[in-house]
C-alpha atoms as a PDB file:
ATOM      1  CA  UNK A   1     -69.055-150.427  24.946  1.00  0.00           C
ATOM      2  CA  UNK A   2     -72.045-149.640  22.730  1.00  0.00           C
ATOM      3  CA  UNK A   3     -72.551-148.036  19.336  1.00  0.00           C
ATOM      4  CA  UNK A   4     -75.006-145.178  19.777  1.00  0.00           C
ATOM      5  CA  UNK A   5     -76.623-143.341  16.876  1.00  0.00           C
ATOM      6  CA  UNK A   6     -76.849-139.757  18.130  1.00  0.00           C
ATOM      7  CA  UNK A   7     -79.284-137.405  16.378  1.00  0.00           C
ATOM      8  CA  UNK A   8     -78.508-133.859  17.439  1.00  0.00           C
ATOM      9  CA  UNK A   9     -78.454-130.338  16.087  1.00  0.00           C
ATOM     10  CA  UNK A  10     -75.167-128.766  15.046  1.00  0.00           C
ATOM     11  CA  UNK A  11     -74.319-125.801  17.208  1.00  0.00           C
ATOM     12  CA  UNK A  12     -76.320-127.116  20.170  1.00  0.00           C
ATOM     13  CA  UNK A  13     -73.996-126.778  23.174  1.00  0.00           C
ATOM     14  CA  UNK A  14     -76.046-129.244  25.224  1.00  0.00           C
ATOM     15  CA  UNK A  15     -75.700-131.877  22.470  1.00  0.00           C
ATOM     16  CA  UNK A  16     -71.936-131.264  22.377  1.00  0.00           C
ATOM     17  CA  UNK A  17     -71.671-131.931  26.138  1.00  0.00           C
ATOM     18  CA  UNK A  18     -73.904-134.987  25.876  1.00  0.00           C
ATOM     19  CA  UNK A  19     -71.728-136.484  23.145  1.00  0.00           C
ATOM     20  CA  UNK A  20     -68.648-136.013  25.335  1.00  0.00           C
ATOM     21  CA  UNK A  21     -70.371-137.756  28.249  1.00  0.00           C
ATOM     22  CA  UNK A  22     -71.329-140.738  26.094  1.00  0.00           C
ATOM     23  CA  UNK A  23     -67.810-140.995  24.665  1.00  0.00           C
ATOM     24  CA  UNK A  24     -66.275-140.702  28.158  1.00  0.00           C
ATOM     25  CA  UNK A  25     -68.426-143.685  29.179  1.00  0.00           C
ATOM     26  CA  UNK A  26     -66.794-145.668  26.363  1.00  0.00           C
ATOM     27  CA  UNK A  27     -69.573-145.535  23.773  1.00  0.00           C
ATOM     28  CA  UNK A  28     -68.930-145.147  20.053  1.00  0.00           C
ATOM     29  CA  UNK A  29     -71.076-142.429  18.490  1.00  0.00           C
ATOM     30  CA  UNK A  30     -72.494-142.365  15.009  1.00  0.00           C
ATOM     31  CA  UNK A  31     -73.495-138.726  14.677  1.00  0.00           C
ATOM     32  CA  UNK A  32     -76.479-137.721  12.593  1.00  0.00           C
ATOM     33  CA  UNK A  33     -77.860-134.257  11.901  1.00  0.00           C
ATOM     34  CA  UNK A  34     -81.373-134.089  13.304  1.00  0.00           C
ATOM     35  CA  UNK A  35     -82.229-131.210  10.966  1.00  0.00           C
ATOM     36  CA  UNK A  36     -81.207-133.120   7.826  1.00  0.00           C
ATOM     37  CA  UNK A  37     -82.361-136.643   8.692  1.00  0.00           C
ATOM     38  CA  UNK A  38     -85.246-137.714   6.422  1.00  0.00           C
ATOM     39  CA  UNK A  39     -87.610-138.637   9.251  1.00  0.00           C
ATOM     40  CA  UNK A  40     -91.252-139.452   8.651  1.00  0.00           C
ATOM     41  CA  UNK A  41     -93.973-139.731  11.267  1.00  0.00           C
ATOM     42  CA  UNK A  42     -93.440-143.497  11.215  1.00  0.00           C
ATOM     43  CA  UNK A  43     -89.674-143.317  11.759  1.00  0.00           C
ATOM     44  CA  UNK A  44     -89.782-140.512  14.345  1.00  0.00           C
ATOM     45  CA  UNK A  45     -92.590-141.873  16.535  1.00  0.00           C
ATOM     46  CA  UNK A  46     -90.645-144.854  18.031  1.00  0.00           C
ATOM     47  CA  UNK A  47     -88.175-142.506  19.758  1.00  0.00           C
ATOM     48  CA  UNK A  48     -90.910-141.364  22.152  1.00  0.00           C
ATOM     49  CA  UNK A  49     -92.114-144.781  23.301  1.00  0.00           C
ATOM     50  CA  UNK A  50     -94.954-144.523  25.795  1.00  0.00           C
ATOM     51  CA  UNK A  51     -94.123-140.988  26.927  1.00  0.00           C
ATOM     52  CA  UNK A  52     -96.980-138.462  26.800  1.00  0.00           C
ATOM     53  CA  UNK A  53     -97.039-136.194  23.746  1.00  0.00           C
ATOM     54  CA  UNK A  54     -96.024-133.097  25.704  1.00  0.00           C
ATOM     55  CA  UNK A  55     -92.779-134.882  26.681  1.00  0.00           C
ATOM     56  CA  UNK A  56     -91.793-135.197  23.021  1.00  0.00           C
ATOM     57  CA  UNK A  57     -91.047-131.479  22.854  1.00  0.00           C
ATOM     58  CA  UNK A  58     -88.011-129.350  23.600  1.00  0.00           C
ATOM     59  CA  UNK A  59     -89.460-126.897  26.127  1.00  0.00           C
ATOM     60  CA  UNK A  60     -86.683-124.414  25.272  1.00  0.00           C
ATOM     61  CA  UNK A  61     -87.708-124.155  21.610  1.00  0.00           C
ATOM     62  CA  UNK A  62     -88.744-120.637  20.655  1.00  0.00           C
ATOM     63  CA  UNK A  63     -92.167-121.725  19.386  1.00  0.00           C
ATOM     64  CA  UNK A  64     -92.914-123.452  22.698  1.00  0.00           C
ATOM     65  CA  UNK A  65     -91.640-120.537  24.793  1.00  0.00           C
ATOM     66  CA  UNK A  66     -93.755-118.008  22.883  1.00  0.00           C
ATOM     67  CA  UNK A  67     -96.814-120.244  23.038  1.00  0.00           C
ATOM     68  CA  UNK A  68     -97.245-120.568  19.293  1.00  0.00           C
ATOM     69  CA  UNK A  69     -96.876-124.337  19.803  1.00  0.00           C
ATOM     70  CA  UNK A  70     -98.641-125.779  22.841  1.00  0.00           C
ATOM     71  CA  UNK A  71     -97.465-129.377  23.266  1.00  0.00           C
ATOM     72  CA  UNK A  72    -100.053-130.214  25.918  1.00  0.00           C
ATOM     73  CA  UNK A  73    -102.869-129.399  23.458  1.00  0.00           C
ATOM     74  CA  UNK A  74    -101.664-131.636  20.598  1.00  0.00           C
ATOM     75  CA  UNK A  75    -102.644-135.177  19.705  1.00  0.00           C
ATOM     76  CA  UNK A  76    -100.028-137.603  18.345  1.00  0.00           C
ATOM     77  CA  UNK A  77    -100.591-136.846  14.657  1.00  0.00           C
ATOM     78  CA  UNK A  78    -100.519-133.068  15.162  1.00  0.00           C
ATOM     79  CA  UNK A  79     -97.456-133.332  17.379  1.00  0.00           C
ATOM     80  CA  UNK A  80     -95.545-135.429  14.845  1.00  0.00           C
ATOM     81  CA  UNK A  81     -96.463-132.978  12.060  1.00  0.00           C
ATOM     82  CA  UNK A  82     -95.195-130.054  14.162  1.00  0.00           C
ATOM     83  CA  UNK A  83     -91.968-131.872  15.080  1.00  0.00           C
ATOM     84  CA  UNK A  84     -91.251-132.795  11.471  1.00  0.00           C
ATOM     85  CA  UNK A  85     -91.916-129.216  10.334  1.00  0.00           C
ATOM     86  CA  UNK A  86     -89.637-127.637  12.970  1.00  0.00           C
ATOM     87  CA  UNK A  87     -86.860-129.931  14.195  1.00  0.00           C
ATOM     88  CA  UNK A  88     -85.960-127.469  16.971  1.00  0.00           C
ATOM     89  CA  UNK A  89     -89.183-128.607  18.660  1.00  0.00           C
ATOM     90  CA  UNK A  90     -87.912-132.178  19.096  1.00  0.00           C
ATOM     91  CA  UNK A  91     -86.668-133.176  22.538  1.00  0.00           C
ATOM     92  CA  UNK A  92     -83.086-134.080  21.881  1.00  0.00           C
ATOM     93  CA  UNK A  93     -80.918-135.840  21.427  1.00  0.00           C
ATOM     94  CA  UNK A  94     -82.610-138.763  19.757  1.00  0.00           C
ATOM     95  CA  UNK A  95     -80.632-141.896  20.564  1.00  0.00           C
ATOM     96  CA  UNK A  96     -80.669-145.308  18.967  1.00  0.00           C
ATOM     97  CA  UNK A  97     -78.919-148.469  20.078  1.00  0.00           C
ATOM     98  CA  UNK A  98     -79.789-151.412  17.858  1.00  0.00           C
ATOM     99  CA  UNK A  99     -83.550-151.254  17.493  1.00  0.00           C
ATOM    100  CA  UNK A 100     -84.096-149.409  20.798  1.00  0.00           C
ATOM    101  CA  UNK A 101     -84.805-145.689  20.538  1.00  0.00           C
ATOM    102  CA  UNK A 102     -85.064-142.915  23.132  1.00  0.00           C
ATOM    103  CA  UNK A 103     -85.555-139.135  23.154  1.00  0.00           C
ATOM    104  CA  UNK A 104     -83.833-136.776  25.556  1.00  0.00           C
ATOM    105  CA  UNK A 105     -80.820-136.983  27.827  1.00  0.00           C
ATOM    106  CA  UNK A 106     -81.783-138.143  31.299  1.00  0.00           C
ATOM    107  CA  UNK A 107     -78.516-139.256  32.925  1.00  0.00           C
ATOM    108  CA  UNK A 108     -80.115-141.809  35.257  1.00  0.00           C
ATOM    109  CA  UNK A 109     -82.299-143.352  32.543  1.00  0.00           C
ATOM    110  CA  UNK A 110     -79.333-143.507  30.165  1.00  0.00           C
ATOM    111  CA  UNK A 111     -77.146-145.088  32.807  1.00  0.00           C
ATOM    112  CA  UNK A 112     -79.780-147.780  33.373  1.00  0.00           C
ATOM    113  CA  UNK A 113     -80.156-148.314  29.610  1.00  0.00           C
ATOM    114  CA  UNK A 114     -76.585-148.318  28.252  1.00  0.00           C
ATOM    115  CA  UNK A 115     -74.327-147.078  31.050  1.00  0.00           C
ATOM    116  CA  UNK A 116     -73.329-143.444  31.256  1.00  0.00           C
ATOM    117  CA  UNK A 117     -70.196-143.599  33.348  1.00  0.00           C
ATOM    118  CA  UNK A 118     -67.054-145.589  32.822  1.00  0.00           C
ATOM    119  CA  UNK A 119     -66.847-146.117  36.583  1.00  0.00           C
ATOM    120  CA  UNK A 120     -70.305-147.658  36.804  1.00  0.00           C
ATOM    121  CA  UNK A 121     -71.473-144.932  39.178  1.00  0.00           C
ATOM    122  CA  UNK A 122     -74.909-143.500  38.582  1.00  0.00           C
ATOM    123  CA  UNK A 123     -75.532-139.784  38.513  1.00  0.00           C
ATOM    124  CA  UNK A 124     -77.210-140.080  41.923  1.00  0.00           C
ATOM    125  CA  UNK A 125     -74.099-141.834  43.277  1.00  0.00           C
ATOM    126  CA  UNK A 126     -71.975-138.895  42.158  1.00  0.00           C
ATOM    127  CA  UNK A 127     -74.405-136.404  43.644  1.00  0.00           C
ATOM    128  CA  UNK A 128     -74.324-138.217  46.981  1.00  0.00           C
ATOM    129  CA  UNK A 129     -70.561-137.662  47.019  1.00  0.00           C
ATOM    130  CA  UNK A 130     -71.007-134.007  45.996  1.00  0.00           C
ATOM    131  CA  UNK A 131     -69.430-134.620  42.592  1.00  0.00           C
ATOM    132  CA  UNK A 132     -71.363-134.076  39.385  1.00  0.00           C
ATOM    133  CA  UNK A 133     -69.613-133.944  36.055  1.00  0.00           C
ATOM    134  CA  UNK A 134     -72.696-134.174  33.891  1.00  0.00           C
ATOM    135  CA  UNK A 135     -73.500-130.468  33.609  1.00  0.00           C
ATOM    136  CA  UNK A 136     -77.241-131.023  33.915  1.00  0.00           C
ATOM    137  CA  UNK A 137     -79.695-129.382  36.231  1.00  0.00           C
ATOM    138  CA  UNK A 138     -81.599-131.860  38.326  1.00  0.00           C
ATOM    139  CA  UNK A 139     -81.848-132.503  41.996  1.00  0.00           C
ATOM    140  CA  UNK A 140     -80.476-135.819  43.202  1.00  0.00           C
ATOM    141  CA  UNK A 141     -82.916-138.308  44.658  1.00  0.00           C
ATOM    142  CA  UNK A 142     -82.601-139.008  48.323  1.00  0.00           C
ATOM    143  CA  UNK A 143     -83.991-142.221  49.613  1.00  0.00           C
END
Protein backbone atom coordinates (compact mmCIF):
# COMPACT_ATOMS: atom_id res chain seq x y z
CA UNK A 1 0.00 0.00 0.00
CA UNK A 2 2.21 2.81 1.31
CA UNK A 3 5.87 3.19 2.19
CA UNK A 4 6.06 4.44 5.77
CA UNK A 5 9.25 5.71 7.38
CA UNK A 6 8.94 4.53 10.98
CA UNK A 7 11.12 6.23 13.61
CA UNK A 8 11.03 4.16 16.77
CA UNK A 9 13.23 3.09 19.64
CA UNK A 10 14.79 -0.36 19.64
CA UNK A 11 13.49 -2.45 22.50
CA UNK A 12 10.20 -0.53 22.68
CA UNK A 13 7.49 -3.21 22.81
CA UNK A 14 4.79 -0.73 21.77
CA UNK A 15 6.80 0.20 18.66
CA UNK A 16 7.22 -3.50 17.83
CA UNK A 17 3.43 -4.02 17.96
CA UNK A 18 2.80 -0.86 15.94
CA UNK A 19 5.16 -2.02 13.20
CA UNK A 20 3.30 -5.33 12.99
CA UNK A 21 -0.03 -3.52 12.68
CA UNK A 22 1.25 -1.33 9.85
CA UNK A 23 2.72 -4.33 8.03
CA UNK A 24 -0.51 -6.32 8.51
CA UNK A 25 -2.35 -3.44 6.81
CA UNK A 26 -0.06 -3.91 3.80
CA UNK A 27 2.35 -1.03 4.36
CA UNK A 28 6.07 -1.26 3.65
CA UNK A 29 8.18 0.02 6.55
CA UNK A 30 11.49 1.78 6.35
CA UNK A 31 12.69 1.52 9.93
CA UNK A 32 14.83 4.23 11.47
CA UNK A 33 16.31 4.43 14.95
CA UNK A 34 14.84 7.46 16.68
CA UNK A 35 17.79 7.59 19.08
CA UNK A 36 20.39 7.70 16.29
CA UNK A 37 18.60 9.86 13.71
CA UNK A 38 20.39 13.21 13.29
CA UNK A 39 17.32 15.35 13.93
CA UNK A 40 17.53 19.10 14.38
CA UNK A 41 14.81 21.38 15.69
CA UNK A 42 13.92 22.17 12.08
CA UNK A 43 13.61 18.53 11.00
CA UNK A 44 11.82 17.33 14.15
CA UNK A 45 9.23 20.12 14.42
CA UNK A 46 7.12 19.12 11.34
CA UNK A 47 6.16 15.79 12.95
CA UNK A 48 4.01 17.63 15.51
CA UNK A 49 1.98 19.76 13.11
CA UNK A 50 -0.49 21.99 14.92
CA UNK A 51 -0.65 19.86 18.07
CA UNK A 52 -0.02 21.68 21.36
CA UNK A 53 3.51 21.37 22.76
CA UNK A 54 2.45 19.11 25.63
CA UNK A 55 1.20 16.57 23.06
CA UNK A 56 4.70 16.24 21.61
CA UNK A 57 5.84 14.31 24.66
CA UNK A 58 5.80 10.66 25.66
CA UNK A 59 3.91 10.83 28.96
CA UNK A 60 5.49 7.52 30.01
CA UNK A 61 9.05 8.87 29.81
CA UNK A 62 10.82 8.77 33.16
CA UNK A 63 11.61 12.49 33.14
CA UNK A 64 7.94 13.33 32.57
CA UNK A 65 6.72 10.88 35.21
CA UNK A 66 9.11 12.24 37.85
CA UNK A 67 8.25 15.83 36.97
CA UNK A 68 11.77 16.84 36.00
CA UNK A 69 10.34 17.71 32.57
CA UNK A 70 6.95 19.44 32.57
CA UNK A 71 5.68 19.51 28.98
CA UNK A 72 2.79 21.85 29.75
CA UNK A 73 5.25 24.52 30.96
CA UNK A 74 7.50 24.54 27.87
CA UNK A 75 7.42 26.78 24.82
CA UNK A 76 8.23 25.35 21.38
CA UNK A 77 11.97 26.10 21.45
CA UNK A 78 12.44 24.69 24.96
CA UNK A 79 10.37 21.63 24.10
CA UNK A 80 12.37 20.90 20.95
CA UNK A 81 15.64 21.29 22.88
CA UNK A 82 14.41 18.84 25.54
CA UNK A 83 13.21 16.33 22.92
CA UNK A 84 16.49 16.45 21.03
CA UNK A 85 18.47 16.01 24.26
CA UNK A 86 16.43 13.00 25.45
CA UNK A 87 14.79 11.03 22.64
CA UNK A 88 12.77 8.99 25.15
CA UNK A 89 10.70 12.15 25.66
CA UNK A 90 9.43 12.12 22.07
CA UNK A 91 5.91 10.85 21.47
CA UNK A 92 6.48 7.91 19.21
CA UNK A 93 6.57 6.55 16.73
CA UNK A 94 7.36 9.34 14.33
CA UNK A 95 5.88 8.46 10.95
CA UNK A 96 6.55 9.87 7.52
CA UNK A 97 4.75 9.16 4.27
CA UNK A 98 6.11 11.27 1.43
CA UNK A 99 6.34 14.77 2.86
CA UNK A 100 3.59 14.21 5.46
CA UNK A 101 4.75 13.64 9.02
CA UNK A 102 2.94 12.59 12.20
CA UNK A 103 3.85 11.76 15.81
CA UNK A 104 2.21 9.03 17.85
CA UNK A 105 0.10 6.00 17.07
CA UNK A 106 -3.60 6.83 17.14
CA UNK A 107 -5.30 3.95 15.31
CA UNK A 108 -8.27 5.99 14.09
CA UNK A 109 -6.14 8.91 12.88
CA UNK A 110 -3.75 6.52 11.14
CA UNK A 111 -6.61 4.67 9.50
CA UNK A 112 -7.95 7.96 8.15
CA UNK A 113 -4.47 9.00 6.97
CA UNK A 114 -3.00 5.85 5.37
CA UNK A 115 -5.29 2.96 6.29
CA UNK A 116 -4.52 0.76 9.27
CA UNK A 117 -6.44 -2.38 8.45
CA UNK A 118 -6.29 -4.56 5.40
CA UNK A 119 -10.05 -5.07 5.67
CA UNK A 120 -10.81 -1.35 5.58
CA UNK A 121 -12.46 -1.51 9.00
CA UNK A 122 -11.68 1.28 11.41
CA UNK A 123 -10.70 0.61 14.98
CA UNK A 124 -14.14 1.82 16.08
CA UNK A 125 -15.76 -0.66 13.66
CA UNK A 126 -13.83 -3.49 15.30
CA UNK A 127 -14.75 -2.27 18.77
CA UNK A 128 -18.43 -2.18 17.83
CA UNK A 129 -18.15 -5.87 16.98
CA UNK A 130 -16.26 -6.57 20.23
CA UNK A 131 -13.05 -7.37 18.35
CA UNK A 132 -9.90 -5.33 18.83
CA UNK A 133 -6.57 -6.56 17.58
CA UNK A 134 -4.68 -3.33 18.01
CA UNK A 135 -3.50 -3.80 21.60
CA UNK A 136 -4.11 -0.17 22.52
CA UNK A 137 -6.04 1.25 25.40
CA UNK A 138 -8.78 3.58 24.31
CA UNK A 139 -12.50 3.55 24.63
CA UNK A 140 -14.45 3.24 21.40
CA UNK A 141 -16.59 6.16 20.35
CA UNK A 142 -20.30 5.62 20.41
CA UNK A 143 -22.42 7.83 18.29
